[in-house]
Amino acid sequence: MATRSDPLLRTAYLLTHDWGLAEDLFQEALTKAWFAWPRVDEPEPYVRRILVTTL
């Protein structure tokens, strides 16, 4: 996830239009993904979906 964090953070920004809220949303999405990590086949689309559904 370290290599894909910038694009995911930009996605969060596009959803919120605020960098502070985007960072909070991104952290919340990563936290939610952490609990499901053993079941996740493709992490980036999974986290992106969490971003959209969490907002």
PDB file of N, CA and C in Angstrom:
ATOM      1  N   MET A   1       0.810  -1.188   0.000  1.00  0.00           N
ATOM      2  CA  MET A   1       0.000   0.000   0.000  1.00  0.00           C
ATOM      3  C   MET A   1       0.857   1.257   0.000  1.00  0.00           C
ATOM      4  N   ALA A   2       2.076   1.153   0.452  1.00  0.00           N
ATOM      5  CA  ALA A   2       2.916   2.346   0.524  1.00  0.00           C
ATOM      6  C   ALA A   2       3.107   2.987  -0.854  1.00  0.00           C
ATOM      7  N   THR A   3       3.218   2.174  -1.890  1.00  0.00           N
ATOM      8  CA  THR A   3       3.426   2.732  -3.224  1.00  0.00           C
ATOM      9  C   THR A   3       2.152   3.297  -3.823  1.00  0.00           C
ATOM     10  N   ARG A   4       1.008   2.931  -3.307  1.00  0.00           N
ATOM     11  CA  ARG A   4      -0.272   3.388  -3.858  1.00  0.00           C
ATOM     12  C   ARG A   4      -0.984   4.384  -2.952  1.00  0.00           C
ATOM     13  N   SER A   5      -0.337   4.820  -1.891  1.00  0.00           N
ATOM     14  CA  SER A   5      -1.016   5.718  -0.958  1.00  0.00           C
ATOM     15  C   SER A   5      -1.297   7.095  -1.569  1.00  0.00           C
ATOM     16  N   ASP A   6      -0.391   7.614  -2.388  1.00  0.00           N
ATOM     17  CA  ASP A   6      -0.623   8.936  -2.988  1.00  0.00           C
ATOM     18  C   ASP A   6      -1.852   8.954  -3.899  1.00  0.00           C
ATOM     19  N   PRO A   7      -1.990   7.995  -4.818  1.00  0.00           N
ATOM     20  CA  PRO A   7      -3.204   8.004  -5.646  1.00  0.00           C
ATOM     21  C   PRO A   7      -4.485   7.811  -4.827  1.00  0.00           C
ATOM     22  N   LEU A   8      -4.422   6.991  -3.799  1.00  0.00           N
ATOM     23  CA  LEU A   8      -5.605   6.788  -2.968  1.00  0.00           C
ATOM     24  C   LEU A   8      -5.935   8.042  -2.163  1.00  0.00           C
ATOM     25  N   LEU A   9      -4.922   8.738  -1.703  1.00  0.00           N
ATOM     26  CA  LEU A   9      -5.156   9.992  -0.986  1.00  0.00           C
ATOM     27  C   LEU A   9      -5.745  11.045  -1.924  1.00  0.00           C
ATOM     28  N   ARG A  10      -5.286  11.081  -3.165  1.00  0.00           N
ATOM     29  CA  ARG A  10      -5.864  11.999  -4.142  1.00  0.00           C
ATOM     30  C   ARG A  10      -7.331  11.660  -4.410  1.00  0.00           C
ATOM     31  N   THR A  11      -7.644  10.372  -4.445  1.00  0.00           N
ATOM     32  CA  THR A  11      -9.040   9.963  -4.604  1.00  0.00           C
ATOM     33  C   THR A  11      -9.873  10.470  -3.438  1.00  0.00           C
ATOM     34  N   ALA A  12      -9.347  10.338  -2.241  1.00  0.00           N
ATOM     35  CA  ALA A  12     -10.048  10.837  -1.059  1.00  0.00           C
ATOM     36  C   ALA A  12     -10.244  12.345  -1.155  1.00  0.00           C
ATOM     37  N   TYR A  13      -9.244  13.055  -1.666  1.00  0.00           N
ATOM     38  CA  TYR A  13      -9.371  14.506  -1.831  1.00  0.00           C
ATOM     39  C   TYR A  13     -10.467  14.844  -2.839  1.00  0.00           C
ATOM     40  N   LEU A  14     -10.516  14.103  -3.942  1.00  0.00           N
ATOM     41  CA  LEU A  14     -11.551  14.353  -4.948  1.00  0.00           C
ATOM     42  C   LEU A  14     -12.949  14.131  -4.376  1.00  0.00           C
ATOM     43  N   LEU A  15     -13.048  13.225  -3.414  1.00  0.00           N
ATOM     44  CA  LEU A  15     -14.341  12.963  -2.784  1.00  0.00           C
ATOM     45  C   LEU A  15     -14.730  14.035  -1.765  1.00  0.00           C
ATOM     46  N   THR A  16     -13.729  14.605  -1.084  1.00  0.00           N
ATOM     47  CA  THR A  16     -14.019  15.535   0.015  1.00  0.00           C
ATOM     48  C   THR A  16     -13.759  17.004  -0.321  1.00  0.00           C
ATOM     49  N   HIS A  17     -12.861  17.276  -1.270  1.00  0.00           N
ATOM     50  CA  HIS A  17     -12.440  18.643  -1.622  1.00  0.00           C
ATOM     51  C   HIS A  17     -11.784  19.358  -0.453  1.00  0.00           C
ATOM     52  N   ASP A  18     -11.151  18.596   0.441  1.00  0.00           N
ATOM     53  CA  ASP A  18     -10.468  19.169   1.596  1.00  0.00           C
ATOM     54  C   ASP A  18      -9.355  18.201   1.998  1.00  0.00           C
ATOM     55  N   TRP A  19      -8.113  18.708   2.056  1.00  0.00           N
ATOM     56  CA  TRP A  19      -6.994  17.806   2.345  1.00  0.00           C
ATOM     57  C   TRP A  19      -7.069  17.194   3.734  1.00  0.00           C
ATOM     58  N   GLY A  20      -7.505  17.963   4.713  1.00  0.00           N
ATOM     59  CA  GLY A  20      -7.619  17.433   6.073  1.00  0.00           C
ATOM     60  C   GLY A  20      -8.643  16.313   6.162  1.00  0.00           C
ATOM     61  N   LEU A  21      -9.803  16.543   5.569  1.00  0.00           N
ATOM     62  CA  LEU A  21     -10.838  15.505   5.555  1.00  0.00           C
ATOM     63  C   LEU A  21     -10.393  14.299   4.726  1.00  0.00           C
ATOM     64  N   ALA A  22      -9.664  14.566   3.650  1.00  0.00           N
ATOM     65  CA  ALA A  22      -9.172  13.476   2.802  1.00  0.00           C
ATOM     66  C   ALA A  22      -8.209  12.579   3.579  1.00  0.00           C
ATOM     67  N   GLU A  23      -7.322  13.180   4.358  1.00  0.00           N
ATOM     68  CA  GLU A  23      -6.396  12.394   5.163  1.00  0.00           C
ATOM     69  C   GLU A  23      -7.136  11.557   6.203  1.00  0.00           C
ATOM     70  N   ASP A  24      -8.154  12.153   6.827  1.00  0.00           N
ATOM     71  CA  ASP A  24      -8.950  11.413   7.810  1.00  0.00           C
ATOM     72  C   ASP A  24      -9.696  10.259   7.155  1.00  0.00           C
ATOM     73  N   LEU A  25     -10.287  10.513   6.006  1.00  0.00           N
ATOM     74  CA  LEU A  25     -11.017   9.479   5.278  1.00  0.00           C
ATOM     75  C   LEU A  25     -10.077   8.350   4.856  1.00  0.00           C
ATOM     76  N   PHE A  26      -8.898   8.721   4.385  1.00  0.00           N
ATOM     77  CA  PHE A  26      -7.910   7.724   3.954  1.00  0.00           C
ATOM     78  C   PHE A  26      -7.473   6.852   5.131  1.00  0.00           C
ATOM     79  N   GLN A  27      -7.214   7.459   6.267  1.00  0.00           N
ATOM     80  CA  GLN A  27      -6.814   6.696   7.446  1.00  0.00           C
ATOM     81  C   GLN A  27      -7.931   5.762   7.905  1.00  0.00           C
ATOM     82  N   GLU A  28      -9.154   6.244   7.856  1.00  0.00           N
ATOM     83  CA  GLU A  28     -10.289   5.402   8.247  1.00  0.00           C
ATOM     84  C   GLU A  28     -10.435   4.224   7.284  1.00  0.00           C
ATOM     85  N   ALA A  29     -10.245   4.478   5.994  1.00  0.00           N
ATOM     86  CA  ALA A  29     -10.339   3.407   5.005  1.00  0.00           C
ATOM     87  C   ALA A  29      -9.245   2.359   5.222  1.00  0.00           C
ATOM     88  N   LEU A  30      -8.037   2.802   5.517  1.00  0.00           N
ATOM     89  CA  LEU A  30      -6.943   1.855   5.772  1.00  0.00           C
ATOM     90  C   LEU A  30      -7.208   1.041   7.034  1.00  0.00           C
ATOM     91  N   THR A  31      -7.787   1.676   8.034  1.00  0.00           N
ATOM     92  CA  THR A  31      -8.125   0.956   9.263  1.00  0.00           C
ATOM     93  C   THR A  31      -9.158  -0.125   8.987  1.00  0.00           C
ATOM     94  N   LYS A  32     -10.181   0.217   8.226  1.00  0.00           N
ATOM     95  CA  LYS A  32     -11.203  -0.767   7.878  1.00  0.00           C
ATOM     96  C   LYS A  32     -10.610  -1.893   7.033  1.00  0.00           C
ATOM     97  N   ALA A  33      -9.728  -1.554   6.117  1.00  0.00           N
ATOM     98  CA  ALA A  33      -9.112  -2.564   5.256  1.00  0.00           C
ATOM     99  C   ALA A  33      -8.216  -3.502   6.056  1.00  0.00           C
ATOM    100  N   TRP A  34      -7.584  -2.979   7.084  1.00  0.00           N
ATOM    101  CA  TRP A  34      -6.682  -3.795   7.900  1.00  0.00           C
ATOM    102  C   TRP A  34      -7.393  -5.019   8.465  1.00  0.00           C
ATOM    103  N   PHE A  35      -8.624  -4.838   8.915  1.00  0.00           N
ATOM    104  CA  PHE A  35      -9.360  -5.945   9.525  1.00  0.00           C
ATOM    105  C   PHE A  35      -9.757  -7.005   8.503  1.00  0.00           C
ATOM    106  N   ALA A  36      -9.878  -6.621   7.248  1.00  0.00           N
ATOM    107  CA  ALA A  36     -10.271  -7.564   6.202  1.00  0.00           C
ATOM    108  C   ALA A  36      -9.078  -8.029   5.372  1.00  0.00           C
ATOM    109  N   TRP A  37      -7.876  -7.601   5.715  1.00  0.00           N
ATOM    110  CA  TRP A  37      -6.698  -7.822   4.877  1.00  0.00           C
ATOM    111  C   TRP A  37      -6.478  -9.283   4.461  1.00  0.00           C
ATOM    112  N   PRO A  38      -6.660 -10.267   5.328  1.00  0.00           N
ATOM    113  CA  PRO A  38      -6.430 -11.654   4.895  1.00  0.00           C
ATOM    114  C   PRO A  38      -7.375 -12.103   3.770  1.00  0.00           C
ATOM    115  N   ARG A  39      -8.537 -11.470   3.655  1.00  0.00           N
ATOM    116  CA  ARG A  39      -9.510 -11.848   2.635  1.00  0.00           C
ATOM    117  C   ARG A  39      -9.371 -11.038   1.350  1.00  0.00           C
ATOM    118  N   VAL A  40      -8.547 -10.013   1.338  1.00  0.00           N
ATOM    119  CA  VAL A  40      -8.452  -9.085   0.206  1.00  0.00           C
ATOM    120  C   VAL A  40      -7.470  -9.615  -0.832  1.00  0.00           C
ATOM    121  N   ASP A  41      -7.966  -9.756  -2.065  1.00  0.00           N
ATOM    122  CA  ASP A  41      -7.094 -10.190  -3.161  1.00  0.00           C
ATOM    123  C   ASP A  41      -6.372  -9.019  -3.809  1.00  0.00           C
ATOM    124  N   GLU A  42      -7.100  -7.933  -4.053  1.00  0.00           N
ATOM    125  CA  GLU A  42      -6.515  -6.747  -4.671  1.00  0.00           C
ATOM    126  C   GLU A  42      -6.756  -5.553  -3.749  1.00  0.00           C
ATOM    127  N   PRO A  43      -5.733  -5.119  -3.034  1.00  0.00           N
ATOM    128  CA  PRO A  43      -5.911  -4.095  -2.001  1.00  0.00           C
ATOM    129  C   PRO A  43      -6.352  -2.724  -2.509  1.00  0.00           C
ATOM    130  N   GLU A  44      -5.783  -2.255  -3.618  1.00  0.00           N
ATOM    131  CA  GLU A  44      -6.094  -0.893  -4.050  1.00  0.00           C
ATOM    132  C   GLU A  44      -7.572  -0.706  -4.391  1.00  0.00           C
ATOM    133  N   PRO A  45      -8.174  -1.558  -5.219  1.00  0.00           N
ATOM    134  CA  PRO A  45      -9.607  -1.370  -5.479  1.00  0.00           C
ATOM    135  C   PRO A  45     -10.462  -1.535  -4.215  1.00  0.00           C
ATOM    136  N   TYR A  46     -10.028  -2.397  -3.329  1.00  0.00           N
ATOM    137  CA  TYR A  46     -10.767  -2.610  -2.088  1.00  0.00           C
ATOM    138  C   TYR A  46     -10.765  -1.340  -1.236  1.00  0.00           C
ATOM    139  N   VAL A  47      -9.598  -0.723  -1.082  1.00  0.00           N
ATOM    140  CA  VAL A  47      -9.503   0.512  -0.290  1.00  0.00           C
ATOM    141  C   VAL A  47     -10.250   1.639  -0.990  1.00  0.00           C
ATOM    142  N   ARG A  48     -10.179   1.704  -2.306  1.00  0.00           N
ATOM    143  CA  ARG A  48     -10.891   2.733  -3.050  1.00  0.00           C
ATOM    144  C   ARG A  48     -12.409   2.608  -2.819  1.00  0.00           C
ATOM    145  N   ARG A  49     -12.899   1.392  -2.804  1.00  0.00           N
ATOM    146  CA  ARG A  49     -14.328   1.180  -2.552  1.00  0.00           C
ATOM    147  C   ARG A  49     -14.690   1.601  -1.116  1.00  0.00           C
ATOM    148  N   ILE A  50     -13.821   1.317  -0.182  1.00  0.00           N
ATOM    149  CA  ILE A  50     -14.067   1.747   1.205  1.00  0.00           C
ATOM    150  C   ILE A  50     -14.120   3.273   1.273  1.00  0.00           C
ATOM    151  N   LEU A  51     -13.237   3.940   0.539  1.00  0.00           N
ATOM    152  CA  LEU A  51     -13.252   5.404   0.524  1.00  0.00           C
ATOM    153  C   LEU A  51     -14.617   5.925   0.098  1.00  0.00           C
ATOM    154  N   VAL A  52     -15.143   5.346  -0.966  1.00  0.00           N
ATOM    155  CA  VAL A  52     -16.414   5.834  -1.512  1.00  0.00           C
ATOM    156  C   VAL A  52     -17.565   5.503  -0.579  1.00  0.00           C
ATOM    157  N   THR A  53     -17.585   4.309  -0.033  1.00  0.00           N
ATOM    158  CA  THR A  53     -18.722   3.916   0.800  1.00  0.00           C
ATOM    159  C   THR A  53     -18.661   4.526   2.207  1.00  0.00           C
ATOM    160  N   THR A  54     -17.482   4.888   2.666  1.00  0.00           N
ATOM    161  CA  THR A  54     -17.347   5.509   3.984  1.00  0.00           C
ATOM    162  C   THR A  54     -17.795   6.964   3.961  1.00  0.00           C
ATOM    163  N   LEU A  55     -17.587   7.602   2.862  1.00  0.00           N
ATOM    164  CA  LEU A  55     -17.945   9.019   2.753  1.00  0.00           C
ATOM    165  C   LEU A  55     -19.426   9.147   2.933  1.00  0.00           C
TER     166      LEU A  55
END
